Amino acid sequence: MTGYDDRHGCGYVLSTGSDATTPTPHTLAVTHEGLTVRATPELAAALRDALANRPVARLGWSGPEVPLTLDDRILLAWLRHTVGGVLTVSGGPER
């Protein structure tokens, strides 16, 4: 997934599943409940902060809120409705 963080004014890249198993330049691994994703440093910091301090994601603009996990569907919802600016998704979950 690629996008633009509306809150911090920077682009981001996020890799999940098998794409997250290979370290790539300028990304950091984030692991939670046995799942690992790779993200650009700013997004990795935001995700770690959210998992530690506000571990919820909205599935739509008006809710409902669900526990934040690194499951593709939940993570994509968090990016869309909390971080903002999802530009492209390759091989992602169906809505």
Protein backbone atom coordinates (compact mmCIF):
# COMPACT_ATOMS: atom_id res chain seq x y z
CA MET A 1 0.00 0.00 0.00
CA THR A 2 1.20 3.47 -0.68
CA GLY A 3 -0.31 6.70 0.50
CA TYR A 4 0.16 10.13 1.97
CA ASP A 5 -0.16 10.76 5.71
CA ASP A 6 -2.48 13.75 5.95
CA ARG A 7 -1.53 14.39 9.59
CA HIS A 8 2.25 14.40 9.21
CA GLY A 9 2.53 15.50 5.60
CA CYS A 10 4.67 12.61 4.34
CA GLY A 11 4.30 9.69 1.99
CA TYR A 12 4.27 6.13 3.22
CA VAL A 13 4.65 2.56 2.06
CA LEU A 14 3.28 -0.45 3.91
CA SER A 15 3.94 -4.09 3.07
CA THR A 16 1.98 -6.97 4.58
CA GLY A 17 1.88 -10.75 4.28
CA SER A 18 4.68 -12.36 2.30
CA ASP A 19 5.81 -8.91 1.09
CA ALA A 20 6.74 -8.03 4.68
CA THR A 21 9.09 -10.98 5.17
CA THR A 22 11.96 -9.48 3.18
CA PRO A 23 13.69 -6.42 4.66
CA THR A 24 13.68 -3.52 2.22
CA PRO A 25 15.61 -0.26 2.40
CA HIS A 26 14.05 2.54 4.43
CA THR A 27 11.42 0.34 6.11
CA LEU A 28 10.98 -0.92 9.65
CA ALA A 29 9.22 -4.05 10.86
CA VAL A 30 6.23 -3.74 13.17
CA THR A 31 5.10 -6.96 14.87
CA HIS A 32 1.88 -7.43 16.82
CA GLU A 33 0.11 -10.63 17.88
CA GLY A 34 2.31 -12.77 15.63
CA LEU A 35 1.86 -10.70 12.45
CA THR A 36 4.56 -8.51 10.94
CA VAL A 37 4.27 -5.61 8.53
CA ARG A 38 6.99 -3.38 7.08
CA ALA A 39 6.48 0.35 6.87
CA THR A 40 8.35 3.56 6.23
CA PRO A 41 9.76 4.96 9.50
CA GLU A 42 7.07 7.61 10.07
CA LEU A 43 4.21 5.19 9.48
CA ALA A 44 5.90 2.50 11.60
CA ALA A 45 6.15 5.01 14.48
CA ALA A 46 2.48 6.02 14.09
CA LEU A 47 1.38 2.38 13.98
CA ARG A 48 3.41 1.44 17.06
CA ASP A 49 1.97 4.45 18.90
CA ALA A 50 -1.58 3.52 17.89
CA LEU A 51 -1.11 -0.11 18.95
CA ALA A 52 0.23 1.01 22.33
CA ASN A 53 -2.06 3.95 23.08
CA ARG A 54 -5.22 3.85 20.95
CA PRO A 55 -5.56 0.38 19.47
CA VAL A 56 -8.79 0.90 17.52
CA ALA A 57 -9.66 1.36 13.87
CA ARG A 58 -12.83 2.61 12.22
CA LEU A 59 -14.22 0.38 9.50
CA GLY A 60 -15.94 3.38 7.92
CA TRP A 61 -16.07 7.14 8.33
CA SER A 62 -18.80 6.85 10.94
CA GLY A 63 -17.63 3.61 12.54
CA PRO A 64 -17.86 1.10 13.98
CA GLU A 65 -14.59 1.02 15.88
CA VAL A 66 -12.89 -2.35 16.14
CA PRO A 67 -9.63 -3.46 17.80
CA LEU A 68 -6.60 -2.43 15.75
CA THR A 69 -4.70 -5.45 14.47
CA LEU A 70 -2.25 -6.07 11.65
CA ASP A 71 -4.89 -8.00 9.72
CA ASP A 72 -4.94 -6.58 6.18
CA ARG A 73 -8.61 -5.52 6.27
CA ILE A 74 -8.35 -3.78 9.66
CA LEU A 75 -5.01 -2.17 8.84
CA LEU A 76 -6.32 -0.82 5.53
CA ALA A 77 -9.35 0.65 7.33
CA TRP A 78 -7.02 2.30 9.88
CA LEU A 79 -4.96 3.79 7.07
CA ARG A 80 -8.01 5.07 5.21
CA HIS A 81 -9.95 6.52 8.13
CA THR A 82 -7.28 7.49 10.68
CA VAL A 83 -4.05 8.18 8.80
CA GLY A 84 -5.64 9.15 5.49
CA GLY A 85 -4.46 9.34 1.93
CA VAL A 86 -4.36 5.71 0.73
CA LEU A 87 -3.30 5.99 -2.91
CA THR A 88 -2.74 2.47 -4.15
CA VAL A 89 -3.35 -1.03 -2.85
CA SER A 90 -1.82 -3.99 -4.61
CA GLY A 91 -3.18 -7.45 -3.80
CA GLY A 92 -5.19 -6.12 -0.87
CA PRO A 93 -8.35 -7.41 0.77
CA GLU A 94 -11.76 -6.86 -0.74
CA ARG A 95 -13.73 -4.12 0.97
